[in-house]
Amino acid sequence: ETNLTNTLSTKPTIPNELDEILNYLKNNDIDTTQLTLPITDQKAASETLKILHQYFTSKTIPNSILALPPLPEPTW
């Protein structure tokens, strides 16, 4: 339990710039094969954000990692 707390408290805040995020992951030998950055597909967003949350703390999602197309207009 203590180790988990220590691990969580040492996670850095997610950088605002995409290249800084990628450099951090690369420099720490973190497997990025499951990451889709920037996020261009709504379906991939959840999984990618879940992976990033394992390594970073954040209260917001940096705009630099989002490249999503606009959502379609509702048909109702």
PDB file of N, CA and C in Angstrom:
ATOM      1  N   GLU A   1       0.832  -1.189   0.000  1.00  0.00           N
ATOM      2  CA  GLU A   1       0.000   0.000   0.000  1.00  0.00           C
ATOM      3  C   GLU A   1       0.878   1.254   0.000  1.00  0.00           C
ATOM      4  N   THR A   2       1.933   1.237   0.803  1.00  0.00           N
ATOM      5  CA  THR A   2       2.833   2.382   0.847  1.00  0.00           C
ATOM      6  C   THR A   2       3.525   2.578  -0.500  1.00  0.00           C
ATOM      7  N   ASN A   3       3.959   1.483  -1.136  1.00  0.00           N
ATOM      8  CA  ASN A   3       4.630   1.600  -2.426  1.00  0.00           C
ATOM      9  C   ASN A   3       3.721   2.225  -3.472  1.00  0.00           C
ATOM     10  N   LEU A   4       2.461   1.842  -3.475  1.00  0.00           N
ATOM     11  CA  LEU A   4       1.519   2.408  -4.429  1.00  0.00           C
ATOM     12  C   LEU A   4       1.379   3.909  -4.208  1.00  0.00           C
ATOM     13  N   THR A   5       1.269   4.305  -2.971  1.00  0.00           N
ATOM     14  CA  THR A   5       1.151   5.725  -2.649  1.00  0.00           C
ATOM     15  C   THR A   5       2.392   6.476  -3.116  1.00  0.00           C
ATOM     16  N   ASN A   6       3.561   5.907  -2.878  1.00  0.00           N
ATOM     17  CA  ASN A   6       4.801   6.552  -3.307  1.00  0.00           C
ATOM     18  C   ASN A   6       4.866   6.670  -4.826  1.00  0.00           C
ATOM     19  N   THR A   7       4.443   5.622  -5.522  1.00  0.00           N
ATOM     20  CA  THR A   7       4.456   5.644  -6.978  1.00  0.00           C
ATOM     21  C   THR A   7       3.527   6.732  -7.494  1.00  0.00           C
ATOM     22  N   LEU A   8       2.344   6.819  -6.934  1.00  0.00           N
ATOM     23  CA  LEU A   8       1.380   7.809  -7.385  1.00  0.00           C
ATOM     24  C   LEU A   8       1.872   9.228  -7.132  1.00  0.00           C
ATOM     25  N   SER A   9       2.514   9.432  -6.013  1.00  0.00           N
ATOM     26  CA  SER A   9       2.935  10.784  -5.666  1.00  0.00           C
ATOM     27  C   SER A   9       4.149  11.241  -6.476  1.00  0.00           C
ATOM     28  N   THR A  10       4.854  10.314  -7.123  1.00  0.00           N
ATOM     29  CA  THR A  10       6.034  10.698  -7.891  1.00  0.00           C
ATOM     30  C   THR A  10       5.738  10.858  -9.380  1.00  0.00           C
ATOM     31  N   LYS A  11       4.502  10.644  -9.799  1.00  0.00           N
ATOM     32  CA  LYS A  11       4.170  10.840 -11.210  1.00  0.00           C
ATOM     33  C   LYS A  11       4.222  12.330 -11.528  1.00  0.00           C
ATOM     34  N   PRO A  12       4.870  12.682 -12.634  1.00  0.00           N
ATOM     35  CA  PRO A  12       4.909  14.101 -13.008  1.00  0.00           C
ATOM     36  C   PRO A  12       3.566  14.550 -13.588  1.00  0.00           C
ATOM     37  N   THR A  13       3.349  15.830 -13.573  1.00  0.00           N
ATOM     38  CA  THR A  13       2.184  16.398 -14.246  1.00  0.00           C
ATOM     39  C   THR A  13       2.409  16.283 -15.747  1.00  0.00           C
ATOM     40  N   ILE A  14       1.367  15.940 -16.467  1.00  0.00           N
ATOM     41  CA  ILE A  14       1.513  15.770 -17.917  1.00  0.00           C
ATOM     42  C   ILE A  14       1.931  17.095 -18.560  1.00  0.00           C
ATOM     43  N   PRO A  15       2.970  17.056 -19.404  1.00  0.00           N
ATOM     44  CA  PRO A  15       3.397  18.289 -20.079  1.00  0.00           C
ATOM     45  C   PRO A  15       2.320  18.792 -21.041  1.00  0.00           C
ATOM     46  N   ASN A  16       2.362  20.065 -21.351  1.00  0.00           N
ATOM     47  CA  ASN A  16       1.389  20.639 -22.282  1.00  0.00           C
ATOM     48  C   ASN A  16       1.709  20.341 -23.737  1.00  0.00           C
ATOM     49  N   GLU A  17       2.968  20.067 -24.029  1.00  0.00           N
ATOM     50  CA  GLU A  17       3.378  19.868 -25.420  1.00  0.00           C
ATOM     51  C   GLU A  17       3.550  18.392 -25.743  1.00  0.00           C
ATOM     52  N   LEU A  18       3.057  17.996 -26.905  1.00  0.00           N
ATOM     53  CA  LEU A  18       3.109  16.604 -27.336  1.00  0.00           C
ATOM     54  C   LEU A  18       4.539  16.072 -27.377  1.00  0.00           C
ATOM     55  N   ASP A  19       5.472  16.856 -27.914  1.00  0.00           N
ATOM     56  CA  ASP A  19       6.849  16.366 -28.003  1.00  0.00           C
ATOM     57  C   ASP A  19       7.467  16.141 -26.627  1.00  0.00           C
ATOM     58  N   GLU A  20       7.081  16.934 -25.640  1.00  0.00           N
ATOM     59  CA  GLU A  20       7.581  16.727 -24.275  1.00  0.00           C
ATOM     60  C   GLU A  20       7.028  15.427 -23.688  1.00  0.00           C
ATOM     61  N   ILE A  21       5.784  15.132 -23.968  1.00  0.00           N
ATOM     62  CA  ILE A  21       5.174  13.881 -23.496  1.00  0.00           C
ATOM     63  C   ILE A  21       5.900  12.697 -24.122  1.00  0.00           C
ATOM     64  N   LEU A  22       6.078  12.741 -25.441  1.00  0.00           N
ATOM     65  CA  LEU A  22       6.743  11.639 -26.140  1.00  0.00           C
ATOM     66  C   LEU A  22       8.188  11.476 -25.682  1.00  0.00           C
ATOM     67  N   ASN A  23       8.895  12.584 -25.471  1.00  0.00           N
ATOM     68  CA  ASN A  23      10.277  12.507 -24.984  1.00  0.00           C
ATOM     69  C   ASN A  23      10.337  11.875 -23.602  1.00  0.00           C
ATOM     70  N   TYR A  24       9.422  12.248 -22.721  1.00  0.00           N
ATOM     71  CA  TYR A  24       9.397  11.671 -21.378  1.00  0.00           C
ATOM     72  C   TYR A  24       9.193  10.161 -21.463  1.00  0.00           C
ATOM     73  N   LEU A  25       8.227   9.736 -22.258  1.00  0.00           N
ATOM     74  CA  LEU A  25       7.945   8.304 -22.385  1.00  0.00           C
ATOM     75  C   LEU A  25       9.155   7.567 -22.955  1.00  0.00           C
ATOM     76  N   LYS A  26       9.775   8.130 -23.991  1.00  0.00           N
ATOM     77  CA  LYS A  26      10.943   7.509 -24.615  1.00  0.00           C
ATOM     78  C   LYS A  26      12.115   7.445 -23.641  1.00  0.00           C
ATOM     79  N   ASN A  27      12.388   8.540 -22.948  1.00  0.00           N
ATOM     80  CA  ASN A  27      13.521   8.600 -22.019  1.00  0.00           C
ATOM     81  C   ASN A  27      13.355   7.674 -20.825  1.00  0.00           C
ATOM     82  N   ASN A  28      12.124   7.289 -20.540  1.00  0.00           N
ATOM     83  CA  ASN A  28      11.869   6.386 -19.420  1.00  0.00           C
ATOM     84  C   ASN A  28      11.545   4.970 -19.888  1.00  0.00           C
ATOM     85  N   ASP A  29      11.891   4.680 -21.147  1.00  0.00           N
ATOM     86  CA  ASP A  29      11.700   3.346 -21.731  1.00  0.00           C
ATOM     87  C   ASP A  29      10.282   2.818 -21.557  1.00  0.00           C
ATOM     88  N   ILE A  30       9.307   3.673 -21.773  1.00  0.00           N
ATOM     89  CA  ILE A  30       7.903   3.288 -21.661  1.00  0.00           C
ATOM     90  C   ILE A  30       7.407   2.891 -23.047  1.00  0.00           C
ATOM     91  N   ASP A  31       6.784   1.724 -23.124  1.00  0.00           N
ATOM     92  CA  ASP A  31       6.260   1.200 -24.386  1.00  0.00           C
ATOM     93  C   ASP A  31       5.131   2.098 -24.887  1.00  0.00           C
ATOM     94  N   THR A  32       5.298   2.640 -26.066  1.00  0.00           N
ATOM     95  CA  THR A  32       4.286   3.541 -26.620  1.00  0.00           C
ATOM     96  C   THR A  32       3.536   2.920 -27.799  1.00  0.00           C
ATOM     97  N   THR A  33       3.705   1.616 -28.004  1.00  0.00           N
ATOM     98  CA  THR A  33       3.065   0.992 -29.160  1.00  0.00           C
ATOM     99  C   THR A  33       1.542   1.017 -29.070  1.00  0.00           C
ATOM    100  N   GLN A  34       0.991   1.102 -27.877  1.00  0.00           N
ATOM    101  CA  GLN A  34      -0.462   1.137 -27.717  1.00  0.00           C
ATOM    102  C   GLN A  34      -1.015   2.560 -27.702  1.00  0.00           C
ATOM    103  N   LEU A  35      -0.127   3.540 -27.768  1.00  0.00           N
ATOM    104  CA  LEU A  35      -0.569   4.936 -27.731  1.00  0.00           C
ATOM    105  C   LEU A  35      -0.849   5.464 -29.132  1.00  0.00           C
ATOM    106  N   THR A  36      -1.881   6.237 -29.248  1.00  0.00           N
ATOM    107  CA  THR A  36      -2.187   6.935 -30.487  1.00  0.00           C
ATOM    108  C   THR A  36      -2.093   8.425 -30.183  1.00  0.00           C
ATOM    109  N   LEU A  37      -0.936   9.018 -30.523  1.00  0.00           N
ATOM    110  CA  LEU A  37      -0.726  10.444 -30.254  1.00  0.00           C
ATOM    111  C   LEU A  37      -0.294  11.157 -31.512  1.00  0.00           C
ATOM    112  N   PRO A  38      -0.885  12.254 -31.858  1.00  0.00           N
ATOM    113  CA  PRO A  38      -2.024  12.851 -31.165  1.00  0.00           C
ATOM    114  C   PRO A  38      -3.271  11.987 -31.350  1.00  0.00           C
ATOM    115  N   ILE A  39      -4.239  12.188 -30.486  1.00  0.00           N
ATOM    116  CA  ILE A  39      -5.479  11.419 -30.546  1.00  0.00           C
ATOM    117  C   ILE A  39      -6.307  11.960 -31.709  1.00  0.00           C
ATOM    118  N   THR A  40      -6.520  11.099 -32.709  1.00  0.00           N
ATOM    119  CA  THR A  40      -7.265  11.509 -33.903  1.00  0.00           C
ATOM    120  C   THR A  40      -8.580  10.761 -34.045  1.00  0.00           C
ATOM    121  N   ASP A  41      -8.795   9.786 -33.174  1.00  0.00           N
ATOM    122  CA  ASP A  41      -9.985   8.948 -33.271  1.00  0.00           C
ATOM    123  C   ASP A  41     -10.661   8.877 -31.912  1.00  0.00           C
ATOM    124  N   GLN A  42     -11.926   9.191 -31.875  1.00  0.00           N
ATOM    125  CA  GLN A  42     -12.679   9.176 -30.622  1.00  0.00           C
ATOM    126  C   GLN A  42     -12.574   7.818 -29.922  1.00  0.00           C
ATOM    127  N   LYS A  43     -12.553   6.740 -30.712  1.00  0.00           N
ATOM    128  CA  LYS A  43     -12.508   5.393 -30.136  1.00  0.00           C
ATOM    129  C   LYS A  43     -11.178   5.125 -29.428  1.00  0.00           C
ATOM    130  N   ALA A  44     -10.106   5.729 -29.911  1.00  0.00           N
ATOM    131  CA  ALA A  44      -8.781   5.519 -29.323  1.00  0.00           C
ATOM    132  C   ALA A  44      -8.534   6.423 -28.124  1.00  0.00           C
ATOM    133  N   ALA A  45      -9.343   7.441 -27.955  1.00  0.00           N
ATOM    134  CA  ALA A  45      -9.102   8.437 -26.909  1.00  0.00           C
ATOM    135  C   ALA A  45      -9.090   7.822 -25.521  1.00  0.00           C
ATOM    136  N   SER A  46     -10.069   7.018 -25.202  1.00  0.00           N
ATOM    137  CA  SER A  46     -10.185   6.459 -23.857  1.00  0.00           C
ATOM    138  C   SER A  46      -8.970   5.611 -23.489  1.00  0.00           C
ATOM    139  N   GLU A  47      -8.572   4.721 -24.385  1.00  0.00           N
ATOM    140  CA  GLU A  47      -7.430   3.844 -24.110  1.00  0.00           C
ATOM    141  C   GLU A  47      -6.138   4.643 -23.989  1.00  0.00           C
ATOM    142  N   THR A  48      -5.926   5.582 -24.872  1.00  0.00           N
ATOM    143  CA  THR A  48      -4.715   6.402 -24.835  1.00  0.00           C
ATOM    144  C   THR A  48      -4.647   7.212 -23.548  1.00  0.00           C
ATOM    145  N   LEU A  49      -5.753   7.819 -23.157  1.00  0.00           N
ATOM    146  CA  LEU A  49      -5.774   8.607 -21.918  1.00  0.00           C
ATOM    147  C   LEU A  49      -5.555   7.725 -20.699  1.00  0.00           C
ATOM    148  N   LYS A  50      -6.079   6.513 -20.734  1.00  0.00           N
ATOM    149  CA  LYS A  50      -5.879   5.585 -19.620  1.00  0.00           C
ATOM    150  C   LYS A  50      -4.389   5.240 -19.479  1.00  0.00           C
ATOM    151  N   ILE A  51      -3.724   5.005 -20.601  1.00  0.00           N
ATOM    152  CA  ILE A  51      -2.289   4.699 -20.570  1.00  0.00           C
ATOM    153  C   ILE A  51      -1.499   5.906 -20.056  1.00  0.00           C
ATOM    154  N   LEU A  52      -1.804   7.090 -20.567  1.00  0.00           N
ATOM    155  CA  LEU A  52      -1.089   8.290 -20.117  1.00  0.00           C
ATOM    156  C   LEU A  52      -1.285   8.525 -18.624  1.00  0.00           C
ATOM    157  N   HIS A  53      -2.463   8.212 -18.131  1.00  0.00           N
ATOM    158  CA  HIS A  53      -2.751   8.411 -16.706  1.00  0.00           C
ATOM    159  C   HIS A  53      -1.894   7.499 -15.818  1.00  0.00           C
ATOM    160  N   GLN A  54      -1.395   6.405 -16.371  1.00  0.00           N
ATOM    161  CA  GLN A  54      -0.504   5.524 -15.604  1.00  0.00           C
ATOM    162  C   GLN A  54       0.830   6.210 -15.306  1.00  0.00           C
ATOM    163  N   TYR A  55       1.217   7.154 -16.154  1.00  0.00           N
ATOM    164  CA  TYR A  55       2.542   7.767 -16.041  1.00  0.00           C
ATOM    165  C   TYR A  55       2.531   9.239 -15.660  1.00  0.00           C
ATOM    166  N   PHE A  56       1.379   9.872 -15.788  1.00  0.00           N
ATOM    167  CA  PHE A  56       1.279  11.301 -15.503  1.00  0.00           C
ATOM    168  C   PHE A  56       0.060  11.594 -14.639  1.00  0.00           C
ATOM    169  N   THR A  57       0.150  12.699 -13.906  1.00  0.00           N
ATOM    170  CA  THR A  57      -1.041  13.221 -13.240  1.00  0.00           C
ATOM    171  C   THR A  57      -1.545  14.381 -14.095  1.00  0.00           C
ATOM    172  N   SER A  58      -2.836  14.593 -14.064  1.00  0.00           N
ATOM    173  CA  SER A  58      -3.379  15.740 -14.790  1.00  0.00           C
ATOM    174  C   SER A  58      -4.804  16.005 -14.354  1.00  0.00           C
ATOM    175  N   LYS A  59      -5.147  17.261 -14.386  1.00  0.00           N
ATOM    176  CA  LYS A  59      -6.527  17.657 -14.126  1.00  0.00           C
ATOM    177  C   LYS A  59      -7.229  17.950 -15.438  1.00  0.00           C
ATOM    178  N   THR A  60      -6.451  18.245 -16.466  1.00  0.00           N
ATOM    179  CA  THR A  60      -7.013  18.516 -17.789  1.00  0.00           C
ATOM    180  C   THR A  60      -6.198  17.782 -18.848  1.00  0.00           C
ATOM    181  N   ILE A  61      -6.771  17.665 -20.019  1.00  0.00           N
ATOM    182  CA  ILE A  61      -6.088  17.036 -21.144  1.00  0.00           C
ATOM    183  C   ILE A  61      -5.437  18.146 -21.965  1.00  0.00           C
ATOM    184  N   PRO A  62      -4.115  18.059 -22.173  1.00  0.00           N
ATOM    185  CA  PRO A  62      -3.464  19.096 -22.985  1.00  0.00           C
ATOM    186  C   PRO A  62      -4.029  19.110 -24.412  1.00  0.00           C
ATOM    187  N   ASN A  63      -4.328  20.281 -24.918  1.00  0.00           N
ATOM    188  CA  ASN A  63      -4.858  20.399 -26.282  1.00  0.00           C
ATOM    189  C   ASN A  63      -3.905  19.830 -27.323  1.00  0.00           C
ATOM    190  N   SER A  64      -2.610  19.831 -27.027  1.00  0.00           N
ATOM    191  CA  SER A  64      -1.627  19.372 -28.004  1.00  0.00           C
ATOM    192  C   SER A  64      -1.767  17.891 -28.338  1.00  0.00           C
ATOM    193  N   ILE A  65      -2.394  17.106 -27.462  1.00  0.00           N
ATOM    194  CA  ILE A  65      -2.531  15.679 -27.759  1.00  0.00           C
ATOM    195  C   ILE A  65      -3.854  15.365 -28.447  1.00  0.00           C
ATOM    196  N   LEU A  66      -4.689  16.373 -28.641  1.00  0.00           N
ATOM    197  CA  LEU A  66      -5.986  16.160 -29.276  1.00  0.00           C
ATOM    198  C   LEU A  66      -5.981  16.679 -30.709  1.00  0.00           C
ATOM    199  N   ALA A  67      -6.351  15.812 -31.624  1.00  0.00           N
ATOM    200  CA  ALA A  67      -6.516  16.205 -33.025  1.00  0.00           C
ATOM    201  C   ALA A  67      -7.784  15.533 -33.545  1.00  0.00           C
ATOM    202  N   LEU A  68      -8.827  15.624 -32.738  1.00  0.00           N
ATOM    203  CA  LEU A  68     -10.081  14.956 -33.066  1.00  0.00           C
ATOM    204  C   LEU A  68     -10.892  15.770 -34.062  1.00  0.00           C
ATOM    205  N   PRO A  69     -11.537  15.071 -35.006  1.00  0.00           N
ATOM    206  CA  PRO A  69     -12.448  15.791 -35.894  1.00  0.00           C
ATOM    207  C   PRO A  69     -13.695  16.198 -35.116  1.00  0.00           C
ATOM    208  N   PRO A  70     -14.439  17.163 -35.600  1.00  0.00           N
ATOM    209  CA  PRO A  70     -15.675  17.539 -34.905  1.00  0.00           C
ATOM    210  C   PRO A  70     -16.641  16.353 -34.860  1.00  0.00           C
ATOM    211  N   LEU A  71     -17.397  16.281 -33.793  1.00  0.00           N
ATOM    212  CA  LEU A  71     -18.403  15.228 -33.698  1.00  0.00           C
ATOM    213  C   LEU A  71     -19.508  15.508 -34.709  1.00  0.00           C
ATOM    214  N   PRO A  72     -20.133  14.445 -35.236  1.00  0.00           N
ATOM    215  CA  PRO A  72     -21.231  14.677 -36.183  1.00  0.00           C
ATOM    216  C   PRO A  72     -22.414  15.353 -35.503  1.00  0.00           C
ATOM    217  N   GLU A  73     -23.181  16.069 -36.282  1.00  0.00           N
ATOM    218  CA  GLU A  73     -24.386  16.711 -35.757  1.00  0.00           C
ATOM    219  C   GLU A  73     -25.367  15.639 -35.298  1.00  0.00           C
ATOM    220  N   PRO A  74     -26.057  15.864 -34.187  1.00  0.00           N
ATOM    221  CA  PRO A  74     -27.059  14.880 -33.758  1.00  0.00           C
ATOM    222  C   PRO A  74     -28.186  14.787 -34.791  1.00  0.00           C
ATOM    223  N   THR A  75     -28.738  13.598 -34.899  1.00  0.00           N
ATOM    224  CA  THR A  75     -29.794  13.384 -35.895  1.00  0.00           C
ATOM    225  C   THR A  75     -31.176  13.403 -35.281  1.00  0.00           C
ATOM    226  N   TRP A  76     -31.311  13.839 -34.051  1.00  0.00           N
ATOM    227  CA  TRP A  76     -32.612  13.873 -33.394  1.00  0.00           C
ATOM    228  C   TRP A  76     -33.192  15.174 -33.460  1.00  0.00           C
TER     229      TRP A  76
END
